[in-house]
Amino acid sequence: MRTRRRPSGAVVIAALVLAVATLGQGPPADAQTFPDAHICELSANPPVNSRPGVISVTAVVQCFTDRDSRPRTPGQFESISITIRLFRADLGVPVGDPKELTSGPSTGLTGSLTFPDPRSTAPQLCESGRFFAEVTGSVVFKSGEPRMVRFKNPDGSEILRTGAAFVTCETTSPPFTFPSGPTANGDDMLPGEVLTPDALIRSADGRFRLHYQNDTNLVLYRDHPATVPLWAAGLHPGGLGVTIMQRDGNLVVYNAQGRPVWASGTDGNPGSWLWVQNDGNLVIYRPDGAPIWASNTVQPSDLSTPASSAATASGSVRNSATSNT
């Protein structure tokens, strides 16, 4: 807890903490009260679908001058503040921006967080899953008011976490238009060519293939004398999209939302192209013939000899995704 001092008289800022709401999309959780002459009751609902594709969380603070009298007398406080944050329950990561609200002299405050935030100019993506909200707050008393006891949850925390609820969301990003271009074929990808899901290109001798798989992975295989993976871009969230040899020289894998999830990091080399070589190496060449990226998976000339470490080799691969198109 922190205490703020003002020039005339001490004013204590007490953290408001909320009780954990029950699971599901039910009514707001019962307010938690505290044994003090001054009291604030707090409640918050688990995240709900307020309308298709939109999550809402509402927190309510009501403050009174006493604990037991009925009817209660509303307390007039200098200000009340709350901050609401939304989290993905399965990942434990924040979603969107927090909502911060502060009242002037007031007896209470109601605040709602809506995600996606309609005021935000940044692309936001909301996927179906379990979400919970965390709420923190503070009350500043007028000068001369009796101080307020510092409140805490039974576990000692000063943050309320609502019960997690399953909500169904939709993307608010503009529909992604996948890069258009001819489908790559043969043993190379020329500038602008793409690999759609389950498409592949194969070395001229037929022993190696680069395959954009239906599990979102881009994988280089040796198919003779046995099928062995030599290099992979890795599995990525967001669904199947497209792999493109961009005209800026960057080889990029996009997911279904149009987000780059892997890239060779070779942008700035317009006109470069990708080649599945007969030696098992996957190489990007500049127009002047200089190699600028490779999988470093050259295979022994005697392919009956297994490549001991080639299956996991990634060599000089740079996994820095880019947004260039």
Protein backbone atom coordinates (compact mmCIF):
# COMPACT_ATOMS: atom_id res chain seq x y z
CA MET A 1 0.00 0.00 0.00
CA ARG A 2 1.17 3.55 -0.64
CA THR A 3 0.39 6.73 1.32
CA ARG A 4 0.16 10.09 -0.37
CA ARG A 5 0.76 13.29 1.55
CA ARG A 6 -0.81 16.64 0.83
CA PRO A 7 0.36 20.04 2.17
CA SER A 8 -2.50 20.26 4.67
CA GLY A 9 -3.33 17.04 6.55
CA ALA A 10 -2.62 13.45 5.72
CA VAL A 11 -4.70 11.70 3.11
CA VAL A 12 -4.46 7.95 2.90
CA ILE A 13 -4.94 6.17 -0.39
CA ALA A 14 -6.31 2.72 0.28
CA ALA A 15 -6.32 0.05 -2.40
CA LEU A 16 -9.80 -1.25 -3.17
CA VAL A 17 -9.95 -4.97 -3.61
CA LEU A 18 -12.77 -7.05 -4.95
CA ALA A 19 -13.98 -10.53 -4.03
CA VAL A 20 -13.53 -13.24 -6.62
CA ALA A 21 -16.63 -13.53 -8.77
CA THR A 22 -18.21 -16.89 -9.40
CA LEU A 23 -17.43 -18.61 -12.67
CA GLY A 24 -19.65 -18.13 -15.64
CA GLN A 25 -21.54 -15.27 -17.16
CA GLY A 26 -23.70 -14.56 -14.15
CA PRO A 27 -24.61 -11.36 -12.31
CA PRO A 28 -21.94 -9.24 -10.61
CA ALA A 29 -20.17 -10.89 -7.71
CA ASP A 30 -21.38 -10.11 -4.18
CA ALA A 31 -19.71 -7.00 -2.85
CA GLN A 32 -17.07 -7.52 -0.18
CA THR A 33 -17.35 -5.31 2.92
CA PHE A 34 -14.74 -4.36 5.47
CA PRO A 35 -14.87 -3.72 9.24
CA ASP A 36 -14.27 0.00 9.50
CA ALA A 37 -16.20 3.20 10.16
CA HIS A 38 -15.66 4.08 6.52
CA ILE A 39 -16.49 1.38 4.04
CA CYS A 40 -16.41 0.78 0.30
CA GLU A 41 -18.27 -2.08 -1.34
CA LEU A 42 -16.98 -3.40 -4.63
CA SER A 43 -18.29 -5.75 -7.27
CA ALA A 44 -17.39 -6.86 -10.78
CA ASN A 45 -18.82 -9.29 -13.28
CA PRO A 46 -16.88 -11.95 -15.17
CA PRO A 47 -16.26 -11.04 -18.83
CA VAL A 48 -19.37 -11.41 -20.97
CA ASN A 49 -20.29 -11.01 -24.63
CA SER A 50 -22.14 -7.72 -24.54
CA ARG A 51 -22.73 -8.09 -28.28
CA PRO A 52 -21.25 -10.34 -30.95
CA GLY A 53 -17.49 -10.06 -31.01
CA VAL A 54 -17.28 -7.69 -28.00
CA ILE A 55 -16.26 -8.45 -24.41
CA SER A 56 -17.42 -6.27 -21.52
CA VAL A 57 -16.46 -6.13 -17.85
CA THR A 58 -18.14 -3.75 -15.37
CA ALA A 59 -16.79 -2.83 -11.93
CA VAL A 60 -18.78 -0.89 -9.32
CA VAL A 61 -17.49 0.96 -6.23
CA GLN A 62 -19.91 2.32 -3.61
CA CYS A 63 -18.62 4.11 -0.52
CA PHE A 64 -20.38 4.91 2.77
CA THR A 65 -19.58 6.79 5.95
CA ASP A 66 -20.43 3.87 8.25
CA ARG A 67 -20.64 0.11 8.23
CA ASP A 68 -23.78 -0.95 10.08
CA SER A 69 -26.48 1.70 9.92
CA ARG A 70 -29.52 1.25 7.68
CA PRO A 71 -30.07 3.03 5.46
CA ARG A 72 -26.41 3.73 4.90
CA THR A 73 -25.17 7.25 4.44
CA PRO A 74 -23.17 7.72 1.24
CA GLY A 75 -19.66 8.97 1.87
CA GLN A 76 -18.43 12.00 -0.02
CA PHE A 77 -14.83 11.36 -1.05
CA GLU A 78 -12.32 13.52 -2.84
CA SER A 79 -11.93 11.00 -5.67
CA ILE A 80 -12.37 7.34 -6.53
CA SER A 81 -10.24 5.56 -9.13
CA ILE A 82 -10.36 2.10 -10.68
CA THR A 83 -8.29 0.27 -13.29
CA ILE A 84 -9.71 -2.72 -15.17
CA ARG A 85 -7.53 -5.13 -17.13
CA LEU A 86 -8.61 -8.09 -19.27
CA PHE A 87 -6.58 -11.34 -19.47
CA ARG A 88 -6.68 -14.57 -21.44
CA ALA A 89 -7.15 -17.20 -18.73
CA ASP A 90 -5.40 -19.99 -20.65
CA LEU A 91 -2.34 -17.88 -21.45
CA GLY A 92 -2.28 -15.48 -18.50
CA VAL A 93 -1.45 -12.59 -20.82
CA PRO A 94 -3.18 -9.19 -20.95
CA VAL A 95 -5.55 -8.45 -23.82
CA GLY A 96 -5.88 -4.92 -25.14
CA ASP A 97 -5.28 -1.79 -23.09
CA PRO A 98 -6.35 -1.29 -19.45
CA LYS A 99 -9.31 0.98 -18.70
CA GLU A 100 -8.56 3.69 -16.13
CA LEU A 101 -11.36 5.78 -14.63
CA THR A 102 -11.33 8.49 -11.96
CA SER A 103 -14.26 10.41 -10.49
CA GLY A 104 -14.28 13.82 -8.87
CA PRO A 105 -15.83 14.23 -5.40
CA SER A 106 -18.18 11.28 -5.39
CA THR A 107 -19.99 8.60 -3.41
CA GLY A 108 -19.20 5.88 -5.92
CA LEU A 109 -17.93 4.99 -9.35
CA THR A 110 -19.01 2.57 -12.07
CA GLY A 111 -16.63 1.74 -14.88
CA SER A 112 -16.70 -0.64 -17.83
CA LEU A 113 -13.99 -2.03 -20.05
CA THR A 114 -14.99 -2.95 -23.58
CA PHE A 115 -12.72 -5.01 -25.81
CA PRO A 116 -11.94 -4.41 -28.58
CA ASP A 117 -11.63 -0.77 -27.56
CA PRO A 118 -13.61 1.22 -30.16
CA ARG A 119 -11.32 4.22 -29.59
CA SER A 120 -8.13 2.35 -30.40
CA THR A 121 -6.53 2.85 -33.79
CA ALA A 122 -4.31 -0.23 -33.45
CA PRO A 123 -5.49 -3.54 -34.93
CA GLN A 124 -6.99 -5.76 -32.24
CA LEU A 125 -7.77 -9.43 -32.37
CA CYS A 126 -10.12 -11.16 -29.97
CA GLU A 127 -10.31 -14.94 -30.16
CA SER A 128 -12.75 -17.27 -28.45
CA GLY A 129 -11.57 -18.53 -25.08
CA ARG A 130 -11.67 -18.06 -21.32
CA PHE A 131 -11.10 -14.54 -20.06
CA PHE A 132 -10.91 -12.93 -16.62
CA ALA A 133 -10.57 -9.35 -15.43
CA GLU A 134 -8.38 -7.79 -12.76
CA VAL A 135 -9.51 -4.64 -10.98
CA THR A 136 -7.52 -2.31 -8.75
CA GLY A 137 -8.62 0.97 -7.24
CA SER A 138 -8.07 3.69 -4.69
CA VAL A 139 -10.06 6.26 -2.70
CA VAL A 140 -8.75 9.67 -1.65
CA PHE A 141 -10.51 11.10 1.41
CA LYS A 142 -11.17 14.76 2.04
CA SER A 143 -8.94 16.54 4.51
CA GLY A 144 -10.17 16.01 8.04
CA GLU A 145 -11.94 12.71 7.29
CA PRO A 146 -11.04 9.78 9.56
CA ARG A 147 -8.44 7.58 7.91
CA MET A 148 -9.52 4.40 6.20
CA VAL A 149 -8.17 0.97 7.12
CA ARG A 150 -5.97 -0.54 4.44
CA PHE A 151 -7.95 -3.37 2.88
CA LYS A 152 -6.57 -6.62 1.58
CA ASN A 153 -7.95 -9.90 0.28
CA PRO A 154 -7.52 -12.93 2.56
CA ASP A 155 -4.46 -13.96 0.56
CA GLY A 156 -2.85 -10.57 1.10
CA SER A 157 -3.30 -9.35 -2.44
CA GLU A 158 -4.67 -5.97 -3.40
CA ILE A 159 -6.02 -7.00 -6.79
CA LEU A 160 -9.42 -8.49 -7.51
CA ARG A 161 -9.60 -11.21 -10.13
CA THR A 162 -13.02 -12.06 -11.50
CA GLY A 163 -14.01 -15.61 -12.29
CA ALA A 164 -12.96 -16.75 -15.73
CA ALA A 165 -15.77 -17.06 -18.27
CA PHE A 166 -15.83 -18.43 -21.80
CA VAL A 167 -16.63 -15.77 -24.38
CA THR A 168 -16.82 -15.89 -28.15
CA CYS A 169 -15.10 -13.11 -30.03
CA GLU A 170 -14.45 -11.99 -33.57
CA THR A 171 -11.61 -10.19 -35.23
CA THR A 172 -11.88 -6.42 -35.49
CA SER A 173 -8.90 -6.11 -37.79
CA PRO A 174 -9.69 -5.31 -41.42
CA PRO A 175 -10.11 -8.52 -43.43
CA PHE A 176 -6.70 -9.66 -44.57
CA THR A 177 -6.14 -10.00 -48.29
CA PHE A 178 -3.48 -12.62 -48.83
CA PRO A 179 -0.66 -11.67 -51.19
CA SER A 180 -1.62 -12.58 -54.69
CA GLY A 181 0.75 -14.10 -57.13
CA PRO A 182 1.49 -17.24 -59.06
CA THR A 183 1.93 -20.48 -57.16
CA ALA A 184 5.54 -21.53 -56.91
CA ASN A 185 6.50 -24.69 -58.77
CA GLY A 186 9.63 -26.53 -59.83
CA ASP A 187 12.60 -26.14 -57.50
CA ASP A 188 12.40 -22.43 -56.68
CA MET A 189 10.24 -19.51 -55.54
CA LEU A 190 10.65 -16.40 -57.65
CA PRO A 191 9.76 -12.88 -56.39
CA GLY A 192 6.02 -12.67 -55.72
CA GLU A 193 5.40 -16.43 -55.84
CA VAL A 194 3.47 -18.12 -53.04
CA LEU A 195 2.93 -21.50 -51.40
CA THR A 196 -0.65 -22.02 -50.30
CA PRO A 197 -1.50 -24.61 -47.61
CA ASP A 198 -0.25 -28.11 -48.51
CA ALA A 199 1.69 -26.79 -51.53
CA LEU A 200 5.35 -27.62 -52.07
CA ILE A 201 8.33 -27.23 -54.34
CA ARG A 202 10.92 -29.95 -54.95
CA SER A 203 14.60 -30.03 -55.87
CA ALA A 204 15.38 -30.82 -59.50
CA ASP A 205 16.64 -34.31 -58.58
CA GLY A 206 13.45 -34.98 -56.58
CA ARG A 207 15.20 -35.82 -53.30
CA PHE A 208 14.29 -32.67 -51.30
CA ARG A 209 11.05 -30.73 -50.88
CA LEU A 210 9.90 -27.55 -49.16
CA HIS A 211 6.34 -28.10 -47.91
CA TYR A 212 3.92 -25.53 -46.40
CA GLN A 213 1.99 -27.99 -44.27
CA ASN A 214 -1.59 -27.95 -43.05
CA ASP A 215 -0.31 -27.68 -39.45
CA THR A 216 1.07 -24.15 -40.24
CA ASN A 217 4.70 -25.34 -40.43
CA LEU A 218 7.02 -24.70 -43.35
CA VAL A 219 9.35 -27.72 -43.51
CA LEU A 220 12.27 -28.82 -45.68
CA TYR A 221 12.39 -32.62 -46.08
CA ARG A 222 14.85 -35.13 -47.47
CA ASP A 223 12.76 -37.87 -49.10
CA HIS A 224 15.51 -40.35 -50.05
CA PRO A 225 16.42 -42.92 -48.87
CA ALA A 226 13.95 -42.12 -46.04
CA THR A 227 11.81 -39.10 -45.24
CA VAL A 228 13.67 -36.89 -42.77
CA PRO A 229 12.92 -33.28 -41.79
CA LEU A 230 15.99 -31.11 -42.26
CA TRP A 231 14.70 -27.65 -41.31
CA ALA A 232 11.42 -26.10 -40.13
CA ALA A 233 10.06 -22.62 -39.50
CA GLY A 234 7.99 -23.96 -36.59
CA LEU A 235 4.33 -24.20 -35.62
CA HIS A 236 2.57 -20.87 -35.14
CA PRO A 237 -0.83 -19.73 -33.80
CA GLY A 238 -3.47 -18.04 -35.90
CA GLY A 239 -4.27 -20.68 -38.50
CA LEU A 240 -3.13 -21.35 -42.03
CA GLY A 241 -2.27 -18.44 -44.26
CA VAL A 242 0.32 -18.30 -47.01
CA THR A 243 4.08 -18.44 -47.55
CA ILE A 244 5.43 -15.85 -49.96
CA MET A 245 8.79 -14.98 -51.47
CA GLN A 246 8.23 -11.24 -51.24
CA ARG A 247 9.51 -8.84 -53.85
CA ASP A 248 11.57 -7.08 -51.17
CA GLY A 249 13.66 -10.26 -50.76
CA ASN A 250 12.00 -11.57 -47.61
CA LEU A 251 10.58 -15.07 -47.32
CA VAL A 252 7.57 -14.73 -44.98
CA VAL A 253 4.97 -17.06 -43.48
CA TYR A 254 1.65 -15.34 -42.70
CA ASN A 255 -1.11 -16.79 -40.53
CA ALA A 256 -4.85 -16.67 -41.28
CA GLN A 257 -5.16 -13.22 -39.70
CA GLY A 258 -2.52 -11.79 -41.98
CA ARG A 259 0.12 -11.57 -39.28
CA PRO A 260 3.72 -12.52 -40.13
CA VAL A 261 4.73 -15.43 -37.91
CA TRP A 262 8.13 -16.23 -39.41
CA ALA A 263 10.48 -14.51 -41.83
CA SER A 264 13.97 -15.00 -43.20
CA GLY A 265 14.81 -11.40 -42.31
CA THR A 266 16.22 -10.68 -45.78
CA ASP A 267 14.06 -7.70 -46.73
CA GLY A 268 15.94 -4.90 -48.46
CA ASN A 269 17.12 -7.23 -51.21
CA PRO A 270 14.54 -6.75 -53.97
CA GLY A 271 14.43 -9.39 -56.66
CA SER A 272 15.87 -12.17 -54.50
CA TRP A 273 14.65 -15.73 -54.99
CA LEU A 274 14.60 -19.07 -53.13
CA TRP A 275 16.12 -22.31 -54.39
CA VAL A 276 15.75 -25.91 -53.12
CA GLN A 277 19.16 -27.20 -54.15
CA ASN A 278 20.15 -30.75 -55.06
CA ASP A 279 22.57 -30.79 -52.11
CA GLY A 280 19.71 -30.38 -49.61
CA ASN A 281 20.39 -26.73 -48.84
CA LEU A 282 17.58 -24.14 -48.97
CA VAL A 283 19.11 -20.84 -50.11
CA ILE A 284 17.93 -17.30 -50.89
CA TYR A 285 19.99 -15.59 -53.58
CA ARG A 286 20.19 -11.95 -54.57
CA PRO A 287 19.82 -11.12 -58.27
CA ASP A 288 23.64 -10.83 -58.49
CA GLY A 289 23.95 -14.47 -57.32
CA ALA A 290 25.12 -13.72 -53.77
CA PRO A 291 23.53 -15.99 -51.12
CA ILE A 292 21.91 -13.99 -48.29
CA TRP A 293 20.19 -16.75 -46.27
CA ALA A 294 20.48 -20.53 -46.02
CA SER A 295 19.03 -23.38 -43.98
CA ASN A 296 22.55 -24.85 -43.69
CA THR A 297 21.31 -28.35 -44.37
CA VAL A 298 23.78 -29.59 -47.00
CA GLN A 299 23.56 -33.40 -47.08
CA PRO A 300 26.30 -35.98 -47.49
CA SER A 301 26.89 -37.03 -51.06
CA ASP A 302 26.11 -40.59 -50.00
CA LEU A 303 22.48 -40.19 -48.94
CA SER A 304 22.42 -43.65 -47.45
CA THR A 305 24.37 -42.13 -44.56
CA PRO A 306 21.93 -40.45 -42.17
CA ALA A 307 22.52 -36.80 -41.44
CA SER A 308 23.19 -36.86 -37.70
CA SER A 309 22.04 -33.40 -36.75
CA ALA A 310 20.40 -32.05 -39.85
CA ALA A 311 16.86 -32.65 -38.61
CA THR A 312 17.11 -29.83 -36.12
CA ALA A 313 19.58 -27.56 -37.85
CA SER A 314 18.46 -24.07 -38.55
CA GLY A 315 21.85 -22.52 -39.21
CA SER A 316 21.78 -18.81 -39.77
CA VAL A 317 17.99 -18.62 -39.85
CA ARG A 318 16.72 -15.35 -38.41
CA ASN A 319 13.22 -15.73 -36.97
CA SER A 320 12.40 -12.03 -37.07
CA ALA A 321 8.95 -11.68 -38.63
CA THR A 322 8.24 -8.67 -40.74
CA SER A 323 5.14 -6.86 -41.86
CA ASN A 324 6.45 -6.06 -45.32
CA THR A 325 4.26 -7.23 -48.12
